[in-house]
N, C-alpha and C. Protein backbone atom coordinates (compact mmCIF):
# COMPACT_ATOMS: atom_id res chain seq x y z
N MET A 1 0.81 -1.19 0.00
CA MET A 1 0.00 0.00 0.00
C MET A 1 0.85 1.26 0.00
N GLY A 2 1.57 1.50 1.11
CA GLY A 2 2.29 2.74 1.20
C GLY A 2 3.75 2.56 1.52
N LYS A 3 4.43 3.68 1.49
CA LYS A 3 5.85 3.66 1.82
C LYS A 3 6.03 3.63 3.32
N ARG A 4 7.07 3.00 3.78
CA ARG A 4 7.38 2.90 5.19
C ARG A 4 8.85 3.23 5.39
N SER A 5 9.17 3.80 6.53
CA SER A 5 10.58 3.92 6.88
C SER A 5 10.78 3.05 8.11
N ALA A 6 11.81 2.27 8.11
CA ALA A 6 12.03 1.30 9.18
C ALA A 6 12.82 1.91 10.31
N ARG A 7 12.44 1.57 11.52
CA ARG A 7 13.19 1.97 12.70
C ARG A 7 13.13 0.78 13.65
N ALA A 8 14.24 0.26 13.99
CA ALA A 8 14.27 -0.85 14.92
C ALA A 8 14.23 -0.27 16.31
N THR A 9 13.18 -0.59 17.04
CA THR A 9 13.02 0.00 18.35
C THR A 9 13.91 -0.64 19.39
N SER A 10 14.44 -1.80 19.12
CA SER A 10 15.30 -2.40 20.14
C SER A 10 16.64 -1.70 20.22
N ALA A 11 17.05 -1.06 19.15
CA ALA A 11 18.32 -0.35 19.16
C ALA A 11 18.16 1.09 18.73
N SER A 12 16.95 1.46 18.36
CA SER A 12 16.62 2.80 17.89
C SER A 12 17.46 3.25 16.71
N ALA A 13 18.01 2.31 15.98
CA ALA A 13 18.76 2.67 14.78
C ALA A 13 17.77 2.99 13.68
N LYS A 14 18.04 4.03 12.94
CA LYS A 14 17.13 4.44 11.88
C LYS A 14 17.67 3.96 10.54
N ALA A 15 16.75 3.49 9.74
CA ALA A 15 17.09 3.10 8.37
C ALA A 15 15.88 3.41 7.51
N THR A 16 16.08 3.68 6.27
CA THR A 16 14.96 3.93 5.38
C THR A 16 14.61 2.64 4.68
N ALA A 17 13.32 2.37 4.64
CA ALA A 17 12.84 1.15 4.00
C ALA A 17 11.51 1.44 3.34
N ARG A 18 11.16 0.63 2.40
CA ARG A 18 9.88 0.76 1.75
C ARG A 18 9.22 -0.61 1.63
N PRO A 19 8.98 -1.27 2.77
CA PRO A 19 8.31 -2.57 2.68
C PRO A 19 6.86 -2.38 2.29
N ARG A 20 6.33 -3.34 1.58
CA ARG A 20 4.90 -3.32 1.30
C ARG A 20 4.17 -3.49 2.61
N ARG A 21 2.98 -2.95 2.70
CA ARG A 21 2.20 -3.06 3.93
C ARG A 21 2.07 -4.52 4.34
N SER A 22 1.98 -5.42 3.38
CA SER A 22 1.82 -6.83 3.70
C SER A 22 3.09 -7.45 4.26
N ALA A 23 4.20 -6.74 4.25
CA ALA A 23 5.45 -7.30 4.75
C ALA A 23 5.34 -7.72 6.20
N SER A 24 4.53 -7.03 6.97
CA SER A 24 4.41 -7.40 8.37
C SER A 24 3.09 -8.11 8.67
N ARG A 25 2.29 -8.34 7.69
CA ARG A 25 1.04 -9.06 7.90
C ARG A 25 1.30 -10.53 7.60
N GLU A 26 1.51 -11.26 8.64
CA GLU A 26 1.93 -12.65 8.50
C GLU A 26 0.77 -13.62 8.59
N GLY A 27 -0.40 -13.22 8.23
CA GLY A 27 -1.54 -14.13 8.32
C GLY A 27 -1.97 -14.28 9.75
N GLY A 28 -2.78 -15.24 10.03
CA GLY A 28 -3.21 -15.46 11.39
C GLY A 28 -4.40 -14.61 11.77
N HIS A 29 -4.53 -14.30 13.03
CA HIS A 29 -5.68 -13.63 13.59
C HIS A 29 -5.56 -12.12 13.47
N THR A 30 -6.64 -11.44 13.09
CA THR A 30 -6.66 -9.99 13.00
C THR A 30 -7.74 -9.45 13.92
N SER A 31 -7.42 -8.43 14.72
CA SER A 31 -8.38 -7.83 15.64
C SER A 31 -8.39 -6.32 15.48
N PRO A 32 -9.23 -5.78 14.58
CA PRO A 32 -9.27 -4.33 14.48
C PRO A 32 -10.12 -3.73 15.60
N ALA A 33 -9.78 -2.53 16.03
CA ALA A 33 -10.56 -1.82 17.03
C ALA A 33 -10.43 -0.34 16.75
N ARG A 34 -11.48 0.43 17.07
CA ARG A 34 -11.46 1.86 16.80
C ARG A 34 -11.89 2.63 18.02
N THR A 35 -11.29 3.80 18.22
CA THR A 35 -11.65 4.68 19.32
C THR A 35 -11.67 6.12 18.83
N PRO A 36 -12.82 6.81 18.87
CA PRO A 36 -12.84 8.21 18.47
C PRO A 36 -12.07 9.07 19.47
N SER A 37 -11.49 10.19 19.01
CA SER A 37 -10.72 11.07 19.89
C SER A 37 -10.76 12.50 19.41
N ASP A 38 -9.89 13.33 20.00
CA ASP A 38 -9.77 14.73 19.64
C ASP A 38 -9.20 14.90 18.26
N PRO A 39 -9.26 16.12 17.70
CA PRO A 39 -8.65 16.36 16.39
C PRO A 39 -7.15 16.08 16.43
N PRO A 40 -6.58 15.61 15.32
CA PRO A 40 -5.17 15.25 15.27
C PRO A 40 -4.26 16.46 15.33
N ALA A 41 -3.06 16.22 15.88
CA ALA A 41 -2.04 17.25 15.92
C ALA A 41 -0.79 16.77 15.20
N SER A 42 -0.94 15.72 14.40
CA SER A 42 0.22 15.13 13.75
C SER A 42 0.09 15.20 12.23
N ALA A 43 1.03 14.56 11.56
CA ALA A 43 1.00 14.51 10.11
C ALA A 43 -0.19 13.71 9.61
N ASN A 44 -0.79 12.91 10.47
CA ASN A 44 -1.94 12.11 10.09
C ASN A 44 -3.22 12.92 10.26
N ALA A 45 -3.24 14.11 9.72
CA ALA A 45 -4.32 15.06 9.93
C ALA A 45 -5.66 14.57 9.40
N THR A 46 -5.69 13.64 8.47
CA THR A 46 -6.95 13.19 7.92
C THR A 46 -7.63 12.17 8.82
N ALA A 47 -6.91 11.55 9.71
CA ALA A 47 -7.49 10.53 10.59
C ALA A 47 -8.05 11.19 11.84
N LYS A 48 -9.21 10.72 12.28
CA LYS A 48 -9.84 11.29 13.47
C LYS A 48 -9.63 10.43 14.70
N PHE A 49 -9.13 9.23 14.53
CA PHE A 49 -8.90 8.36 15.66
C PHE A 49 -7.83 7.34 15.31
N LEU A 50 -7.39 6.62 16.30
CA LEU A 50 -6.38 5.59 16.12
C LEU A 50 -7.07 4.26 15.83
N VAL A 51 -6.64 3.61 14.78
CA VAL A 51 -7.12 2.27 14.43
C VAL A 51 -5.94 1.33 14.59
N VAL A 52 -6.11 0.31 15.42
CA VAL A 52 -5.05 -0.66 15.65
C VAL A 52 -5.52 -2.02 15.17
N ASN A 53 -4.78 -2.60 14.24
CA ASN A 53 -5.04 -3.95 13.76
C ASN A 53 -3.95 -4.84 14.34
N VAL A 54 -4.36 -5.94 14.96
CA VAL A 54 -3.39 -6.88 15.52
C VAL A 54 -3.45 -8.15 14.68
N VAL A 55 -2.28 -8.56 14.20
CA VAL A 55 -2.17 -9.76 13.38
C VAL A 55 -1.19 -10.69 14.07
N THR A 56 -1.61 -11.92 14.31
CA THR A 56 -0.72 -12.90 14.94
C THR A 56 -0.58 -14.11 14.04
N SER A 57 0.47 -14.85 14.26
CA SER A 57 0.68 -16.08 13.51
C SER A 57 0.93 -17.21 14.50
N GLY A 58 0.66 -18.41 14.09
CA GLY A 58 0.85 -19.55 14.98
C GLY A 58 -0.19 -19.59 16.07
N ALA A 59 0.15 -20.20 17.18
CA ALA A 59 -0.79 -20.37 18.28
C ALA A 59 -0.90 -19.15 19.18
N LEU A 60 0.06 -18.25 19.09
CA LEU A 60 0.08 -17.07 19.94
C LEU A 60 -1.03 -16.11 19.56
N ARG A 61 -1.81 -15.68 20.53
CA ARG A 61 -2.87 -14.69 20.33
C ARG A 61 -2.60 -13.48 21.20
N ALA A 62 -3.23 -12.38 20.87
CA ALA A 62 -3.03 -11.14 21.63
C ALA A 62 -4.39 -10.51 21.94
N PRO A 63 -5.23 -11.21 22.70
CA PRO A 63 -6.57 -10.67 22.98
C PRO A 63 -6.50 -9.36 23.75
N GLY A 64 -7.26 -8.39 23.28
CA GLY A 64 -7.35 -7.11 23.97
C GLY A 64 -6.21 -6.15 23.70
N LEU A 65 -5.19 -6.54 22.94
CA LEU A 65 -4.04 -5.68 22.72
C LEU A 65 -4.43 -4.40 21.97
N ALA A 66 -5.26 -4.52 20.94
CA ALA A 66 -5.65 -3.34 20.16
C ALA A 66 -6.37 -2.32 21.03
N ARG A 67 -7.35 -2.77 21.77
CA ARG A 67 -8.11 -1.83 22.62
C ARG A 67 -7.23 -1.23 23.72
N TRP A 68 -6.35 -2.05 24.30
CA TRP A 68 -5.45 -1.53 25.34
C TRP A 68 -4.55 -0.44 24.77
N LEU A 69 -3.95 -0.71 23.61
CA LEU A 69 -3.04 0.26 23.01
C LEU A 69 -3.77 1.56 22.69
N GLN A 70 -4.99 1.46 22.20
CA GLN A 70 -5.78 2.66 21.94
C GLN A 70 -6.08 3.43 23.22
N SER A 71 -6.30 2.72 24.29
CA SER A 71 -6.66 3.38 25.55
C SER A 71 -5.49 4.13 26.19
N VAL A 72 -4.27 3.74 25.88
CA VAL A 72 -3.10 4.41 26.48
C VAL A 72 -2.35 5.29 25.50
N ALA A 73 -2.68 5.23 24.23
CA ALA A 73 -1.95 5.98 23.20
C ALA A 73 -2.02 7.48 23.47
N PRO A 74 -0.94 8.19 23.13
CA PRO A 74 -0.97 9.65 23.26
C PRO A 74 -2.10 10.23 22.40
N SER A 75 -2.64 11.34 22.79
CA SER A 75 -3.77 11.92 22.08
C SER A 75 -3.45 12.26 20.63
N ARG A 76 -2.20 12.49 20.31
CA ARG A 76 -1.85 12.82 18.93
C ARG A 76 -1.72 11.59 18.03
N ALA A 77 -1.86 10.40 18.58
CA ALA A 77 -1.77 9.17 17.78
C ALA A 77 -3.06 9.02 16.97
N ARG A 78 -2.97 9.29 15.70
CA ARG A 78 -4.11 9.21 14.79
C ARG A 78 -3.71 8.43 13.56
N GLY A 79 -4.63 7.67 13.03
CA GLY A 79 -4.38 6.93 11.81
C GLY A 79 -4.45 5.44 12.06
N GLU A 80 -4.08 4.69 11.06
CA GLU A 80 -4.13 3.24 11.14
C GLU A 80 -2.73 2.67 11.36
N MET A 81 -2.66 1.70 12.23
CA MET A 81 -1.40 1.00 12.46
C MET A 81 -1.69 -0.49 12.59
N THR A 82 -0.69 -1.28 12.33
CA THR A 82 -0.79 -2.73 12.50
C THR A 82 0.29 -3.17 13.47
N VAL A 83 -0.10 -4.04 14.40
CA VAL A 83 0.85 -4.71 15.27
C VAL A 83 0.85 -6.16 14.82
N ALA A 84 1.97 -6.61 14.29
CA ALA A 84 2.10 -7.99 13.81
C ALA A 84 3.02 -8.76 14.74
N VAL A 85 2.51 -9.86 15.28
CA VAL A 85 3.30 -10.74 16.14
C VAL A 85 3.66 -11.94 15.27
N VAL A 86 4.95 -12.05 14.96
CA VAL A 86 5.41 -13.01 13.96
C VAL A 86 6.55 -13.86 14.52
N PRO A 87 6.90 -14.94 13.83
CA PRO A 87 8.02 -15.76 14.27
C PRO A 87 9.34 -14.98 14.30
N ASP A 88 10.22 -15.37 15.19
CA ASP A 88 11.53 -14.73 15.32
C ASP A 88 12.28 -14.67 13.99
N ALA A 89 12.18 -15.73 13.20
CA ALA A 89 12.90 -15.78 11.93
C ALA A 89 12.46 -14.66 11.00
N ARG A 90 11.19 -14.31 11.04
CA ARG A 90 10.68 -13.23 10.18
C ARG A 90 11.26 -11.89 10.64
N VAL A 91 11.31 -11.66 11.95
CA VAL A 91 11.87 -10.42 12.47
C VAL A 91 13.36 -10.34 12.16
N ARG A 92 14.04 -11.46 12.28
CA ARG A 92 15.47 -11.48 11.94
C ARG A 92 15.66 -11.11 10.47
N ALA A 93 14.83 -11.65 9.59
CA ALA A 93 14.94 -11.34 8.16
C ALA A 93 14.68 -9.85 7.91
N LEU A 94 13.69 -9.29 8.57
CA LEU A 94 13.40 -7.86 8.41
C LEU A 94 14.55 -7.02 8.96
N ASN A 95 15.09 -7.41 10.09
CA ASN A 95 16.20 -6.69 10.71
C ASN A 95 17.43 -6.73 9.79
N ARG A 96 17.66 -7.88 9.18
CA ARG A 96 18.79 -8.03 8.26
C ARG A 96 18.55 -7.17 7.01
N ARG A 97 17.35 -7.21 6.48
CA ARG A 97 17.05 -6.50 5.23
C ARG A 97 17.07 -4.98 5.41
N TYR A 98 16.47 -4.48 6.48
CA TYR A 98 16.29 -3.04 6.62
C TYR A 98 17.31 -2.36 7.52
N ARG A 99 18.03 -3.14 8.33
CA ARG A 99 19.01 -2.54 9.23
C ARG A 99 20.39 -3.15 9.07
N SER A 100 20.52 -4.14 8.21
CA SER A 100 21.79 -4.85 7.99
C SER A 100 22.33 -5.46 9.28
N LYS A 101 21.43 -5.92 10.14
CA LYS A 101 21.81 -6.60 11.38
C LYS A 101 21.21 -8.01 11.33
N ASP A 102 22.08 -9.00 11.21
CA ASP A 102 21.63 -10.38 11.04
C ASP A 102 21.40 -11.03 12.40
N ARG A 103 20.39 -10.52 13.10
CA ARG A 103 19.99 -11.10 14.39
C ARG A 103 18.55 -10.73 14.65
N VAL A 104 17.93 -11.53 15.48
CA VAL A 104 16.54 -11.23 15.85
C VAL A 104 16.54 -10.11 16.88
N THR A 105 15.52 -9.31 16.88
CA THR A 105 15.32 -8.25 17.86
C THR A 105 13.88 -8.37 18.34
N ASP A 106 13.55 -7.71 19.42
CA ASP A 106 12.20 -7.88 19.97
C ASP A 106 11.12 -7.17 19.19
N VAL A 107 11.38 -5.94 18.73
CA VAL A 107 10.34 -5.17 18.06
C VAL A 107 10.96 -4.24 17.03
N LEU A 108 10.29 -4.12 15.89
CA LEU A 108 10.68 -3.20 14.83
C LEU A 108 9.49 -2.30 14.52
N SER A 109 9.76 -1.06 14.18
CA SER A 109 8.71 -0.13 13.79
C SER A 109 8.97 0.34 12.36
N PHE A 110 7.93 0.34 11.55
CA PHE A 110 8.00 0.80 10.17
C PHE A 110 7.00 1.95 10.02
N ALA A 111 7.49 3.16 10.06
CA ALA A 111 6.62 4.34 9.98
C ALA A 111 6.07 4.52 8.57
N ALA A 112 4.80 4.87 8.50
CA ALA A 112 4.16 5.13 7.21
C ALA A 112 4.53 6.52 6.72
N GLU A 113 4.49 6.69 5.44
CA GLU A 113 4.74 7.99 4.84
C GLU A 113 3.49 8.52 4.15
N GLU A 114 2.34 7.91 4.44
CA GLU A 114 1.09 8.32 3.82
C GLU A 114 0.18 8.93 4.87
N PRO A 115 -0.57 9.98 4.51
CA PRO A 115 -1.52 10.57 5.45
C PRO A 115 -2.55 9.54 5.91
N GLY A 116 -2.89 9.59 7.17
CA GLY A 116 -3.88 8.68 7.71
C GLY A 116 -3.33 7.34 8.15
N GLU A 117 -2.06 7.10 7.93
CA GLU A 117 -1.45 5.84 8.36
C GLU A 117 -0.26 6.13 9.26
N LEU A 118 -0.18 5.38 10.36
CA LEU A 118 0.98 5.49 11.26
C LEU A 118 2.07 4.54 10.84
N GLY A 119 1.72 3.30 10.53
CA GLY A 119 2.71 2.32 10.13
C GLY A 119 2.51 0.98 10.78
N ASP A 120 3.58 0.20 10.85
CA ASP A 120 3.53 -1.17 11.37
C ASP A 120 4.53 -1.35 12.49
N VAL A 121 4.13 -2.11 13.49
CA VAL A 121 5.01 -2.55 14.56
C VAL A 121 5.07 -4.06 14.45
N VAL A 122 6.27 -4.61 14.35
CA VAL A 122 6.46 -6.04 14.19
C VAL A 122 7.17 -6.57 15.43
N ILE A 123 6.54 -7.55 16.09
CA ILE A 123 7.06 -8.11 17.34
C ILE A 123 7.46 -9.57 17.12
N ALA A 124 8.63 -9.94 17.61
CA ALA A 124 9.10 -11.32 17.54
C ALA A 124 8.45 -12.13 18.66
N ALA A 125 7.64 -13.11 18.29
CA ALA A 125 6.87 -13.89 19.26
C ALA A 125 7.77 -14.63 20.26
N GLY A 126 8.80 -15.28 19.77
CA GLY A 126 9.68 -16.04 20.66
C GLY A 126 10.44 -15.14 21.62
N VAL A 127 10.94 -14.02 21.11
CA VAL A 127 11.66 -13.08 21.96
C VAL A 127 10.71 -12.52 23.02
N ALA A 128 9.48 -12.19 22.63
CA ALA A 128 8.50 -11.67 23.58
C ALA A 128 8.23 -12.68 24.69
N ALA A 129 8.12 -13.96 24.33
CA ALA A 129 7.87 -15.00 25.33
C ALA A 129 9.06 -15.13 26.29
N ARG A 130 10.27 -15.10 25.75
CA ARG A 130 11.47 -15.19 26.61
C ARG A 130 11.58 -13.98 27.53
N GLN A 131 11.36 -12.79 26.99
CA GLN A 131 11.44 -11.58 27.80
C GLN A 131 10.36 -11.57 28.88
N ALA A 132 9.19 -12.10 28.57
CA ALA A 132 8.11 -12.17 29.56
C ALA A 132 8.53 -13.07 30.73
N ARG A 133 9.12 -14.22 30.41
CA ARG A 133 9.59 -15.12 31.47
C ARG A 133 10.65 -14.44 32.32
N GLN A 134 11.61 -13.77 31.68
CA GLN A 134 12.68 -13.09 32.40
C GLN A 134 12.15 -11.97 33.29
N ALA A 135 11.12 -11.28 32.82
CA ALA A 135 10.55 -10.16 33.58
C ALA A 135 9.54 -10.63 34.63
N GLY A 136 9.13 -11.90 34.55
CA GLY A 136 8.20 -12.45 35.52
C GLY A 136 6.75 -12.04 35.30
N HIS A 137 6.39 -11.80 34.04
CA HIS A 137 4.99 -11.50 33.76
C HIS A 137 4.52 -12.31 32.55
N SER A 138 3.26 -12.14 32.17
CA SER A 138 2.69 -12.92 31.07
C SER A 138 3.16 -12.40 29.71
N VAL A 139 2.97 -13.23 28.70
CA VAL A 139 3.29 -12.82 27.34
C VAL A 139 2.38 -11.66 26.93
N ALA A 140 1.13 -11.68 27.37
CA ALA A 140 0.20 -10.59 27.04
C ALA A 140 0.74 -9.25 27.55
N VAL A 141 1.30 -9.24 28.74
CA VAL A 141 1.88 -8.01 29.29
C VAL A 141 3.09 -7.60 28.46
N GLU A 142 3.93 -8.55 28.09
CA GLU A 142 5.11 -8.23 27.28
C GLU A 142 4.71 -7.66 25.92
N LEU A 143 3.67 -8.20 25.32
CA LEU A 143 3.20 -7.67 24.04
C LEU A 143 2.75 -6.23 24.19
N ARG A 144 2.14 -5.89 25.31
CA ARG A 144 1.74 -4.50 25.57
C ARG A 144 2.97 -3.60 25.68
N VAL A 145 3.97 -4.06 26.42
CA VAL A 145 5.21 -3.29 26.59
C VAL A 145 5.83 -3.01 25.22
N LEU A 146 5.94 -4.04 24.40
CA LEU A 146 6.58 -3.91 23.09
C LEU A 146 5.74 -3.07 22.12
N ALA A 147 4.43 -3.29 22.12
CA ALA A 147 3.55 -2.53 21.21
C ALA A 147 3.56 -1.04 21.55
N LEU A 148 3.54 -0.70 22.83
CA LEU A 148 3.59 0.70 23.25
C LEU A 148 4.91 1.33 22.83
N HIS A 149 6.00 0.63 23.07
CA HIS A 149 7.33 1.14 22.69
C HIS A 149 7.39 1.38 21.17
N GLY A 150 6.89 0.41 20.42
CA GLY A 150 6.89 0.54 18.96
C GLY A 150 6.02 1.69 18.49
N LEU A 151 4.85 1.89 19.11
CA LEU A 151 3.97 3.00 18.75
C LEU A 151 4.67 4.33 18.95
N LEU A 152 5.37 4.48 20.06
CA LEU A 152 6.07 5.74 20.31
C LEU A 152 7.13 6.01 19.25
N HIS A 153 7.80 4.96 18.78
CA HIS A 153 8.75 5.14 17.68
C HIS A 153 8.02 5.54 16.40
N LEU A 154 6.84 4.97 16.15
CA LEU A 154 6.06 5.38 14.97
C LEU A 154 5.71 6.86 15.02
N LEU A 155 5.53 7.37 16.23
CA LEU A 155 5.18 8.77 16.41
C LEU A 155 6.41 9.69 16.35
N GLY A 156 7.59 9.09 16.15
CA GLY A 156 8.80 9.88 15.96
C GLY A 156 9.70 10.01 17.17
N TYR A 157 9.36 9.36 18.27
CA TYR A 157 10.21 9.44 19.46
C TYR A 157 11.42 8.54 19.29
N ASP A 158 12.54 8.95 19.87
CA ASP A 158 13.78 8.18 19.80
C ASP A 158 14.53 8.36 21.12
N HIS A 159 14.43 7.39 22.00
CA HIS A 159 14.98 7.50 23.36
C HIS A 159 16.50 7.66 23.41
N GLU A 160 17.18 7.34 22.33
CA GLU A 160 18.64 7.51 22.33
C GLU A 160 19.06 8.94 22.04
N HIS A 161 18.15 9.76 21.53
CA HIS A 161 18.53 11.11 21.10
C HIS A 161 17.57 12.19 21.55
N ASP A 162 16.70 11.92 22.52
CA ASP A 162 15.69 12.93 22.87
C ASP A 162 15.74 13.40 24.32
N ASP A 163 16.88 13.23 24.97
CA ASP A 163 17.07 13.70 26.35
C ASP A 163 16.00 13.21 27.32
N GLY A 164 15.55 11.98 27.14
CA GLY A 164 14.61 11.37 28.07
C GLY A 164 13.14 11.63 27.80
N ARG A 165 12.84 12.33 26.72
CA ARG A 165 11.45 12.65 26.40
C ARG A 165 10.61 11.40 26.18
N MET A 166 11.11 10.46 25.38
CA MET A 166 10.36 9.23 25.12
C MET A 166 10.21 8.41 26.39
N ALA A 167 11.26 8.32 27.19
CA ALA A 167 11.20 7.54 28.43
C ALA A 167 10.15 8.11 29.37
N ARG A 168 10.07 9.43 29.48
CA ARG A 168 9.07 10.05 30.36
C ARG A 168 7.65 9.78 29.86
N LEU A 169 7.45 9.92 28.56
CA LEU A 169 6.12 9.66 27.99
C LEU A 169 5.76 8.19 28.13
N GLU A 170 6.69 7.30 27.82
CA GLU A 170 6.42 5.87 27.94
C GLU A 170 6.07 5.51 29.38
N ARG A 171 6.78 6.07 30.33
CA ARG A 171 6.52 5.80 31.75
C ARG A 171 5.10 6.25 32.13
N ARG A 172 4.71 7.45 31.67
CA ARG A 172 3.37 7.96 31.98
C ARG A 172 2.29 7.08 31.35
N LEU A 173 2.47 6.68 30.10
CA LEU A 173 1.49 5.85 29.40
C LEU A 173 1.44 4.44 29.99
N ARG A 174 2.58 3.92 30.40
CA ARG A 174 2.61 2.59 31.05
C ARG A 174 1.79 2.62 32.32
N ARG A 175 2.00 3.64 33.14
CA ARG A 175 1.21 3.75 34.39
C ARG A 175 -0.27 3.81 34.08
N LYS A 176 -0.63 4.60 33.10
CA LYS A 176 -2.03 4.72 32.68
C LYS A 176 -2.59 3.35 32.31
N GLY A 177 -1.76 2.52 31.67
CA GLY A 177 -2.19 1.20 31.22
C GLY A 177 -1.91 0.07 32.19
N GLY A 178 -1.41 0.39 33.39
CA GLY A 178 -1.20 -0.63 34.41
C GLY A 178 0.06 -1.47 34.24
N LEU A 179 1.04 -0.99 33.50
CA LEU A 179 2.29 -1.73 33.34
C LEU A 179 3.32 -1.24 34.35
N VAL A 180 4.07 -2.17 34.92
CA VAL A 180 5.06 -1.83 35.94
C VAL A 180 6.31 -1.23 35.33
N GLU A 181 6.84 -1.86 34.27
CA GLU A 181 8.07 -1.36 33.66
C GLU A 181 8.03 -1.48 32.17
N GLY A 182 8.92 -0.75 31.50
CA GLY A 182 9.02 -0.79 30.06
C GLY A 182 10.41 -1.18 29.63
N LEU A 183 10.62 -1.19 28.34
CA LEU A 183 11.92 -1.61 27.80
C LEU A 183 13.05 -0.69 28.21
N ILE A 184 12.79 0.61 28.22
CA ILE A 184 13.85 1.56 28.56
C ILE A 184 14.29 1.37 30.01
N GLU A 185 13.35 1.24 30.92
CA GLU A 185 13.68 1.04 32.34
C GLU A 185 14.41 -0.27 32.61
N ARG A 186 14.05 -1.31 31.87
CA ARG A 186 14.71 -2.60 32.06
C ARG A 186 16.11 -2.62 31.50
N GLY A 187 16.43 -1.63 30.69
CA GLY A 187 17.74 -1.62 30.07
C GLY A 187 17.80 -2.46 28.81
N ASP A 188 16.64 -2.92 28.31
CA ASP A 188 16.61 -3.69 27.06
C ASP A 188 16.87 -2.79 25.86
N HIS A 189 16.76 -1.48 26.06
CA HIS A 189 16.93 -0.55 24.94
C HIS A 189 17.83 0.56 25.34
């Protein structure tokens, strides 16, 4: 559909990419949800609310992730986004293709360059499960942590270069959504 620029949120390295929208749609379960909100303050001026589509593959499901992400998203988050939970091998291939890093990472963000679209967040299912075990919480909680982090990157935040702005916003949104810690606080990023 549209052009995307890739940003790997696990390392915040920026790279330009133009994957097809279907690049992160790995089949499986889709859960669209919509929430009306205030007028947009972003480049997605044509969108009146945030639309989150969740696509999973394999046995892993993400019930409630779309609605949760909409409920905690910053008010300027407008447009359509997809959160794709895919096998680690797929994330590794995307990381290699768009960032020249031949390793799996937990989450990648592909920002849209079209009005009304935010982009795609791609989460490695196996990495999310391992990180959930290490953090002592459920995979559902880890998916929320990763999806929120990826959304903030779609909105243009970069915790490595913004003097703590993204970390402060992520912390506030996590509290709003009932999460104890995020990737930045854990030192994963």
